[in-house]
Protein backbone atom coordinates (compact mmCIF):
# COMPACT_ATOMS: atom_id res chain seq x y z
CA MET A 1 0.01 0.00 0.00
CA VAL A 2 1.19 3.51 -0.82
CA LYS A 3 0.49 6.43 1.48
CA ALA A 4 1.46 10.06 0.85
CA ILE A 5 2.21 12.65 3.51
CA VAL A 6 2.02 16.25 2.39
CA GLY A 7 1.47 19.76 3.74
CA ALA A 8 -1.77 21.77 3.48
CA ASN A 9 -0.30 25.27 3.53
CA TRP A 10 3.00 27.09 3.02
CA GLY A 11 5.18 24.29 4.42
CA ASP A 12 6.45 24.26 8.02
CA GLU A 13 3.32 22.31 9.15
CA GLY A 14 5.29 19.83 11.19
CA LYS A 15 5.48 17.10 8.54
CA GLY A 16 8.83 15.89 9.83
CA LYS A 17 7.46 14.55 13.07
CA ILE A 18 4.39 12.96 11.47
CA THR A 19 6.52 11.39 8.70
CA ASP A 20 8.96 10.08 11.28
CA MET A 21 6.04 8.57 13.18
CA LEU A 22 4.42 7.00 10.05
CA ALA A 23 7.81 5.76 8.86
CA GLU A 24 7.99 3.54 11.91
CA GLU A 25 5.23 1.38 10.38
CA SER A 26 6.53 1.66 6.78
CA ASP A 27 9.01 -0.39 4.75
CA ILE A 28 10.02 2.28 2.23
CA ILE A 29 10.02 6.10 2.44
CA VAL A 30 10.32 8.08 -0.79
CA ARG A 31 11.17 11.77 -1.21
CA PHE A 32 9.48 12.73 -4.47
CA GLN A 33 10.18 16.41 -5.13
CA GLY A 34 12.05 19.51 -4.01
CA GLY A 35 15.65 19.70 -2.82
CA SER A 36 17.67 20.92 0.11
CA ASN A 37 15.79 24.26 0.14
CA ALA A 38 13.46 23.23 2.97
CA GLY A 39 13.86 21.01 5.98
CA HIS A 40 12.00 18.71 8.34
CA THR A 41 12.78 18.95 12.04
CA ILE A 42 12.71 15.63 13.86
CA ILE A 43 13.17 14.87 17.54
CA ASN A 44 13.80 11.27 18.53
CA ASP A 45 15.96 9.06 20.75
CA TYR A 46 19.08 10.17 18.88
CA GLY A 47 18.45 13.86 19.42
CA LYS A 48 17.11 16.77 17.34
CA PHE A 49 17.77 16.76 13.60
CA ALA A 50 16.94 19.00 10.63
CA LEU A 51 16.76 16.85 7.48
CA HIS A 52 16.82 18.50 4.07
CA LEU A 53 17.30 15.88 1.35
CA LEU A 54 17.05 12.60 3.23
CA PRO A 55 13.62 11.11 3.76
CA SER A 56 12.38 11.20 7.34
CA GLY A 57 12.55 7.40 7.69
CA VAL A 58 16.34 7.26 7.94
CA PHE A 59 16.29 6.69 11.72
CA TYR A 60 14.82 3.17 11.44
CA ASN A 61 16.84 0.06 10.73
CA HIS A 62 13.99 -1.71 8.95
CA THR A 63 13.33 0.98 6.31
CA THR A 64 14.75 1.79 2.92
CA SER A 65 14.95 5.48 1.98
CA VAL A 66 14.52 6.42 -1.66
CA ILE A 67 15.48 9.67 -3.39
CA GLY A 68 13.01 9.74 -6.28
CA ASN A 69 13.44 11.06 -9.81
CA GLY A 70 11.50 14.23 -8.97
CA VAL A 71 14.08 15.46 -6.45
CA ALA A 72 16.67 18.17 -7.03
CA LEU A 73 19.67 16.00 -6.14
CA ASN A 74 22.46 17.98 -4.48
CA ILE A 75 25.02 15.12 -4.30
CA PRO A 76 27.62 16.66 -1.93
CA TYR A 77 24.80 17.82 0.32
CA LEU A 78 23.31 14.29 0.44
CA ILE A 79 26.65 12.74 1.36
CA LYS A 80 27.26 15.42 4.00
CA GLU A 81 23.80 14.83 5.48
CA LEU A 82 24.40 11.08 5.69
CA LYS A 83 27.69 11.75 7.51
CA SER A 84 25.95 14.17 9.89
CA LEU A 85 23.70 11.25 10.99
CA THR A 86 26.43 8.66 11.41
CA ASP A 87 28.59 11.22 13.29
CA ARG A 88 25.81 11.33 15.89
CA ASN A 89 25.62 7.51 16.25
CA VAL A 90 22.64 7.01 13.91
CA PRO A 91 23.20 3.69 12.06
CA MET A 92 23.96 4.15 8.37
CA PRO A 93 20.54 4.10 6.65
CA LYS A 94 19.82 2.10 3.50
CA ILE A 95 19.63 4.68 0.70
CA LEU A 96 18.62 4.29 -2.96
CA VAL A 97 18.87 7.12 -5.47
CA SER A 98 16.95 7.15 -8.75
CA ASP A 99 19.07 6.90 -11.89
CA ARG A 100 16.56 9.34 -13.43
CA ALA A 101 17.05 11.99 -10.72
CA GLN A 102 18.61 15.25 -11.97
CA ILE A 103 21.71 16.77 -10.45
CA MET A 104 21.87 20.11 -8.69
CA MET A 105 25.01 21.87 -9.93
CA PRO A 106 27.08 24.52 -8.10
CA TYR A 107 26.18 27.05 -10.82
CA HIS A 108 22.46 26.58 -10.07
CA VAL A 109 23.13 28.00 -6.58
CA ASP A 110 25.21 30.82 -8.11
CA PHE A 111 22.45 31.74 -10.58
CA ASP A 112 19.87 31.72 -7.80
CA THR A 113 22.00 34.08 -5.75
CA TYR A 114 22.74 36.38 -8.69
CA GLU A 115 19.07 36.60 -9.70
CA GLU A 116 17.86 37.37 -6.13
CA ALA A 117 20.46 40.14 -5.95
CA ARG A 118 19.42 41.52 -9.36
CA LEU A 119 15.72 41.54 -8.33
CA ALA A 120 16.61 43.18 -5.00
CA GLY A 121 13.36 44.38 -3.33
CA LYS A 122 11.26 42.49 -5.90
CA SER A 123 12.80 39.07 -5.18
CA PHE A 124 10.82 35.87 -4.59
CA GLY A 125 12.29 35.26 -1.13
CA SER A 126 14.38 32.34 -2.41
CA THR A 127 16.49 30.32 -0.02
CA LYS A 128 19.26 30.64 -2.68
CA SER A 129 19.55 26.84 -2.84
CA GLY A 130 19.48 26.76 -6.63
CA ILE A 131 16.01 25.28 -6.91
CA ALA A 132 14.48 27.58 -9.58
CA PRO A 133 17.54 27.48 -11.90
CA PHE A 134 17.71 23.67 -11.39
CA TYR A 135 14.14 23.04 -12.41
CA SER A 136 14.40 25.61 -15.22
CA ASP A 137 17.29 23.59 -16.67
CA LYS A 138 15.44 20.30 -16.19
CA TYR A 139 12.45 21.45 -18.24
CA ALA A 140 14.67 23.23 -20.77
CA LYS A 141 16.34 19.84 -21.20
CA ILE A 142 19.83 21.07 -20.30
CA GLY A 143 20.01 19.42 -16.88
CA PHE A 144 22.20 16.40 -16.06
CA GLN A 145 20.43 13.18 -15.18
CA VAL A 146 22.28 10.79 -12.83
CA SER A 147 22.23 8.10 -15.53
CA GLU A 148 24.29 10.38 -17.82
CA LEU A 149 27.25 10.10 -15.39
CA PHE A 150 27.44 6.41 -16.26
CA GLY A 151 26.89 6.74 -19.99
CA ASP A 152 28.86 7.91 -23.04
CA GLU A 153 31.62 10.37 -21.99
CA LYS A 154 31.71 12.20 -25.36
CA ALA A 155 27.94 12.81 -25.25
CA LEU A 156 28.32 14.21 -21.74
CA LYS A 157 31.15 16.54 -22.81
CA ASP A 158 29.10 17.77 -25.81
CA LYS A 159 26.24 18.58 -23.47
CA ILE A 160 28.53 20.41 -21.06
CA ALA A 161 29.81 22.55 -23.97
CA ASN A 162 26.24 23.49 -24.88
CA VAL A 163 25.38 24.36 -21.27
CA CYS A 164 28.49 26.59 -20.99
CA THR A 165 27.57 28.43 -24.24
CA LEU A 166 24.09 29.22 -22.92
CA LYS A 167 25.03 30.02 -19.34
CA ASN A 168 28.06 32.17 -20.15
CA VAL A 169 25.99 34.63 -22.21
CA MET A 170 23.95 35.36 -19.05
CA LEU A 171 26.97 35.36 -16.77
CA GLU A 172 28.84 37.83 -18.95
CA HIS A 173 26.09 40.19 -20.06
CA LEU A 174 23.42 40.02 -17.32
CA TYR A 175 25.19 39.18 -14.08
CA HIS A 176 28.76 40.28 -14.89
CA ALA A 177 30.03 37.21 -13.09
CA PRO A 178 32.85 34.67 -13.71
CA LEU A 179 32.25 32.37 -16.70
CA LEU A 180 31.80 28.57 -16.50
CA LYS A 181 34.59 26.30 -17.77
CA GLU A 182 33.81 23.02 -19.47
CA GLU A 183 36.65 21.17 -17.81
CA ASP A 184 35.56 22.30 -14.34
CA ILE A 185 32.00 21.09 -14.87
CA PHE A 186 33.19 17.72 -16.23
CA ASN A 187 35.54 17.21 -13.25
CA THR A 188 32.73 18.12 -10.85
CA LEU A 189 30.40 15.61 -12.46
CA MET A 190 33.06 12.88 -12.22
CA GLU A 191 33.47 13.61 -8.52
CA TYR A 192 29.70 13.38 -8.12
CA LYS A 193 29.70 10.07 -10.01
CA GLU A 194 32.11 8.55 -7.48
CA MET A 195 30.11 9.88 -4.55
CA ILE A 196 26.68 8.64 -5.70
CA ALA A 197 27.61 5.36 -7.43
CA PRO A 198 26.96 3.10 -4.41
CA TYR A 199 23.32 4.26 -4.16
CA VAL A 200 22.11 4.49 -7.78
CA CYS A 201 19.49 2.10 -9.17
CA ASP A 202 16.24 2.00 -11.10
CA THR A 203 14.11 3.00 -8.12
CA SER A 204 10.88 2.85 -10.17
CA ALA A 205 11.49 -0.86 -10.84
CA TYR A 206 12.36 -1.35 -7.15
CA LEU A 207 9.10 0.31 -6.07
CA HIS A 208 7.10 -1.65 -8.67
CA LYS A 209 8.38 -4.89 -7.15
CA ALA A 210 7.75 -3.63 -3.62
CA ILE A 211 4.12 -2.75 -4.46
CA LYS A 212 3.57 -6.26 -5.88
CA GLU A 213 5.00 -7.72 -2.67
CA GLY A 214 2.57 -5.67 -0.52
CA LYS A 215 5.23 -3.52 1.06
CA LYS A 216 4.15 -0.35 2.91
CA ILE A 217 5.45 2.73 1.02
CA LEU A 218 5.34 6.29 2.30
CA LEU A 219 5.69 9.20 -0.14
CA GLU A 220 7.12 12.27 1.55
CA GLY A 221 6.45 15.74 0.18
CA GLN A 222 8.30 18.96 0.84
CA LEU A 223 6.61 22.33 1.59
CA GLY A 224 2.83 22.56 1.15
CA SER A 225 -0.12 23.07 -1.25
CA LEU A 226 0.21 26.86 -1.37
CA LYS A 227 3.80 26.62 -2.65
CA ASP A 228 2.75 24.55 -5.69
CA PRO A 229 3.70 26.27 -8.98
CA ASP A 230 0.27 25.61 -10.50
CA HIS A 231 -2.11 25.85 -7.60
CA GLY A 232 -0.19 27.94 -5.07
CA ILE A 233 0.40 31.66 -4.52
CA TYR A 234 2.23 32.01 -7.86
CA PRO A 235 4.85 33.41 -8.39
CA MET A 236 5.85 33.19 -4.71
CA VAL A 237 6.01 29.40 -4.95
CA THR A 238 8.62 26.69 -5.23
CA SER A 239 9.59 25.16 -8.57
CA SER A 240 8.28 21.60 -8.24
CA SER A 241 4.79 20.36 -7.48
CA THR A 242 4.08 20.00 -3.80
CA LEU A 243 0.84 18.02 -4.33
CA SER A 244 0.31 14.34 -3.54
CA ALA A 245 -0.66 13.64 -7.14
CA PHE A 246 2.91 14.51 -8.17
CA GLY A 247 4.09 11.86 -5.73
CA ALA A 248 3.32 9.23 -8.35
CA ILE A 249 5.40 11.06 -10.96
CA GLY A 250 8.25 12.02 -8.65
CA ALA A 251 8.56 8.47 -7.34
CA GLY A 252 7.87 6.64 -10.60
CA ILE A 253 4.74 4.70 -9.65
CA PRO A 254 1.14 4.60 -11.05
CA ALA A 255 -1.12 7.31 -9.60
CA ALA A 256 -3.79 4.75 -8.71
CA GLU A 257 -1.43 3.12 -6.20
CA ILE A 258 -1.73 6.11 -3.79
CA LYS A 259 -4.52 4.92 -1.47
CA ASP A 260 -4.17 7.30 1.51
CA VAL A 261 -3.18 11.00 1.65
CA VAL A 262 -2.27 12.25 5.11
CA THR A 263 -2.30 16.03 4.98
CA VAL A 264 -0.52 17.86 7.82
CA VAL A 265 -2.32 20.97 9.06
CA LYS A 266 -0.98 23.43 11.63
CA ALA A 267 -3.20 24.72 14.47
CA TYR A 268 -2.04 28.26 13.57
CA SER A 269 -0.25 29.62 10.48
CA SER A 270 3.42 30.24 9.67
CA SER A 271 5.36 30.87 6.54
CA VAL A 272 8.91 31.44 5.41
CA GLY A 273 9.40 33.60 2.34
CA ALA A 274 7.47 36.25 0.47
CA GLY A 275 3.92 36.20 -0.76
CA ALA A 276 0.31 36.89 0.29
CA PHE A 277 -0.41 35.70 3.83
CA VAL A 278 -3.93 36.86 4.78
CA SER A 279 -4.08 35.86 8.43
CA GLU A 280 -0.62 37.27 9.23
CA ILE A 281 -0.02 38.96 12.59
CA PHE A 282 2.77 41.33 13.52
CA GLY A 283 4.73 42.88 16.40
CA ASP A 284 4.64 41.52 19.94
CA GLU A 285 1.63 39.30 19.18
CA ALA A 286 3.54 37.55 16.37
CA GLN A 287 6.79 37.36 18.31
CA GLU A 288 5.14 35.66 21.30
CA LEU A 289 3.58 33.02 19.06
CA ARG A 290 6.87 32.65 17.15
CA VAL A 291 8.98 32.09 20.28
CA ARG A 292 6.44 29.66 21.83
CA GLY A 293 5.87 27.77 18.56
CA GLY A 294 7.33 24.50 17.37
CA ASP A 295 10.27 23.17 19.38
CA GLY A 296 12.53 26.07 20.16
CA GLY A 297 10.48 28.54 18.16
CA GLU A 298 9.28 29.16 14.62
CA PHE A 299 12.51 29.56 12.65
CA GLY A 300 13.25 27.94 9.26
CA ALA A 301 14.82 24.49 9.50
CA THR A 302 17.07 25.33 6.54
CA THR A 303 17.63 29.06 6.70
CA GLY A 304 17.08 29.88 10.41
CA ARG A 305 14.89 32.79 9.21
CA PRO A 306 12.13 33.87 11.60
CA ARG A 307 8.87 32.58 10.17
CA ARG A 308 5.99 34.94 9.45
CA MET A 309 3.17 34.17 11.90
CA GLY A 310 -0.62 34.16 11.58
CA TRP A 311 -3.81 32.72 12.97
CA PHE A 312 -5.29 29.54 11.53
CA ASP A 313 -6.49 30.26 7.99
CA ALA A 314 -9.50 28.01 7.26
CA VAL A 315 -9.90 29.38 3.71
CA ALA A 316 -6.33 28.57 2.68
CA THR A 317 -6.27 25.27 4.55
CA ARG A 318 -9.59 23.97 3.16
CA TYR A 319 -8.20 24.73 -0.34
CA GLY A 320 -4.90 23.06 0.44
CA VAL A 321 -6.62 19.99 1.89
CA ARG A 322 -8.82 19.79 -1.23
CA MET A 323 -5.89 20.07 -3.66
CA GLN A 324 -4.01 17.29 -1.88
CA GLY A 325 -6.93 14.85 -2.16
CA THR A 326 -6.82 14.44 1.61
CA THR A 327 -8.15 11.26 3.17
CA GLU A 328 -7.10 12.15 6.72
CA VAL A 329 -5.55 15.12 8.54
CA ALA A 330 -2.81 15.30 11.16
CA LEU A 331 -3.22 18.49 13.20
CA THR A 332 0.05 19.78 14.73
CA VAL A 333 1.32 22.18 17.47
CA ILE A 334 -2.09 22.49 19.15
CA ASP A 335 -0.23 22.56 22.51
CA VAL A 336 1.41 25.88 21.58
CA LEU A 337 -1.89 27.77 21.82
CA GLY A 338 -2.50 27.05 25.51
CA TYR A 339 -1.33 30.51 26.60
CA LEU A 340 -4.12 32.41 24.81
CA ASP A 341 -7.31 33.73 26.45
CA GLU A 342 -9.01 33.56 23.08
CA ILE A 343 -7.92 32.17 19.77
CA PRO A 344 -8.78 33.94 16.49
CA MET A 345 -9.42 31.89 13.36
CA CYS A 346 -9.65 33.29 9.82
CA VAL A 347 -12.89 31.84 8.44
CA GLY A 348 -13.34 34.03 5.34
CA TYR A 349 -11.65 36.65 3.13
CA GLU A 350 -13.10 40.06 2.48
CA ILE A 351 -12.18 41.11 -1.06
CA ASP A 352 -13.53 44.40 -2.47
CA GLY A 353 -16.25 44.48 0.17
CA LYS A 354 -17.45 40.91 -0.43
CA VAL A 355 -16.75 37.92 1.86
CA THR A 356 -15.66 34.66 0.29
CA LYS A 357 -14.66 31.27 1.64
CA ASP A 358 -13.02 30.22 -1.64
CA PHE A 359 -9.26 30.62 -2.05
CA PRO A 360 -8.57 33.09 -4.89
CA THR A 361 -5.75 33.60 -7.38
CA THR A 362 -2.81 35.76 -6.30
CA ALA A 363 -3.97 39.17 -7.58
CA GLU A 364 -7.22 38.80 -5.59
CA LEU A 365 -5.41 37.29 -2.64
CA GLU A 366 -3.21 40.40 -2.33
CA LYS A 367 -6.40 42.43 -1.64
CA ALA A 368 -7.93 40.03 0.88
CA LYS A 369 -8.56 40.95 4.48
CA PRO A 370 -9.18 38.24 7.10
CA VAL A 371 -12.64 37.65 8.53
CA LEU A 372 -11.90 36.45 12.08
CA LYS A 373 -13.94 34.29 14.45
CA LYS A 374 -12.74 34.00 18.07
CA PHE A 375 -12.75 30.85 20.18
CA PRO A 376 -12.19 30.64 23.95
CA GLY A 377 -8.74 29.43 24.96
CA TRP A 378 -8.15 26.50 27.34
CA LYS A 379 -5.37 28.22 29.30
CA CYS A 380 -3.51 25.11 30.35
CA GLU A 381 -0.74 22.73 29.35
CA ILE A 382 -1.98 19.78 27.25
CA ARG A 383 1.31 18.01 26.57
CA GLY A 384 1.31 14.49 27.92
CA ILE A 385 -2.41 13.91 27.31
CA LYS A 386 -2.89 10.63 25.38
CA ASN A 387 -6.68 10.43 24.98
CA TYR A 388 -8.73 12.89 22.96
CA GLU A 389 -11.54 12.95 25.55
CA ASP A 390 -9.05 14.13 28.19
CA LEU A 391 -8.32 17.38 26.30
CA PRO A 392 -10.11 20.48 27.70
CA LYS A 393 -13.50 21.07 26.13
CA GLU A 394 -12.34 24.39 24.64
CA CYS A 395 -9.43 22.62 22.94
CA ARG A 396 -11.72 19.90 21.50
CA ASP A 397 -14.18 22.59 20.33
CA TYR A 398 -11.35 24.40 18.51
CA ILE A 399 -10.18 21.14 16.88
CA GLU A 400 -13.69 20.21 15.78
CA ALA A 401 -14.25 23.74 14.39
CA ILE A 402 -11.12 23.31 12.27
CA GLU A 403 -12.40 19.95 11.09
CA GLU A 404 -15.74 21.41 10.01
CA GLU A 405 -14.03 24.34 8.24
CA ILE A 406 -11.51 22.26 6.28
CA GLU A 407 -14.02 19.49 5.44
CA ALA A 408 -11.74 16.57 6.25
CA PRO A 409 -11.36 14.17 9.18
CA ILE A 410 -8.70 14.93 11.78
CA THR A 411 -7.37 11.52 12.86
CA MET A 412 -4.19 12.64 14.59
CA VAL A 413 -3.60 15.51 16.98
CA SER A 414 0.04 16.35 17.84
CA ASN A 415 0.43 17.91 21.27
CA GLY A 416 4.20 18.11 21.53
CA PRO A 417 7.37 17.83 19.42
CA GLY A 418 8.36 14.35 20.59
CA ARG A 419 7.92 11.33 18.33
CA HIS A 420 5.13 9.78 20.44
CA GLU A 421 3.41 12.97 21.62
CA ILE A 422 0.36 12.26 19.47
CA ILE A 423 -3.33 11.63 20.10
CA HIS A 424 -5.02 9.19 17.75
CA ARG A 425 -8.62 10.09 17.25
CA VAL A 426 -11.67 8.46 15.64
CA SER A 427 -13.28 11.29 13.69
CA ASN A 428 -17.04 11.68 13.51
CA TYR A 429 -16.72 14.08 10.58
CA LYS A 430 -19.00 13.27 7.67
CA LYS A 431 -18.71 15.34 4.52
CA ASN A 432 -22.08 16.73 3.39
């Protein structure tokens, strides 16, 4: 059986913990898109980790972790990340890398940095990890696929020459930066070949066999619905699809094999990067939520940037849940809200004097003002509670209000950052 775990919003929903938990009962965990531009924070018996390229199942001896063909493969970063685990006494995980994955090159990072500097105040809030230039090259058919490292050397050199011709025009005339050299790129690729060779295989064939054998496969997404390039807050999005449907493509399996989509939803909102954020709060109110949030505060797992904070956005989340094809929801960081006397929730958008509950395109979104509904707080610590019925009534009312708003069953409620700080819940939600 194949299960996908994805985010409903802007990313940062707490997928790392839920993926780590679900990985415990999985055989194979697959990263299917994105690169090292975002991270998942995981707290377990080994300590606290921020993973960026590795799937969140790497802490279990019984699992195989797969880097799918849809991933932006930064080879030195992957090797460094593996070493960072073994240096902290985590057993070396079993890793497979798709021979169809494409390679993140050092010049992708350079181009990302140059372009953000050129755009200055009009930038997209990139993490400067090379993601947009990488995917641009992939779809322009001038990227390097892992399989090409093991193929005809002359064909590879011819391709490198073409890449240098194209890139150097921009480097010389647009960015006024040092030019690429064919020999340097070839040598870099040969170094990468040596690094990645032990892990490369036809992962699609491997997964096909695993599905036939009835293995439990978990597809792990990066970021969330609202960062999808088609259905998100374009252009303030990432450059690969963040939706569960892309999991089939990015892993190399049939779409019909995905039977369960666990969508992670945060009990309040946070976002790293630029773009419309209707329920955003500011000043002391935002800072208090930021410092209390997550484990050690709401700061990017990759960048360390302070996250933008907001109240729960039911409009954005319902849309995100819908776009993911959600079968069940994991609600995270509910414990963080215990300090509040009352908890606002954004239940509608006012745009040009009209209230809507439908998530609009970006131009309309920029004009939207939040319509807030306030719920009484529970004013107590709920960490350590194992049974849903033992939560304060105000907390249960808030959870059930979220469930009604987003139109999907909440089956898991996370009330702490630890691996097993989770409440499993039988939902009574029935979609009308």
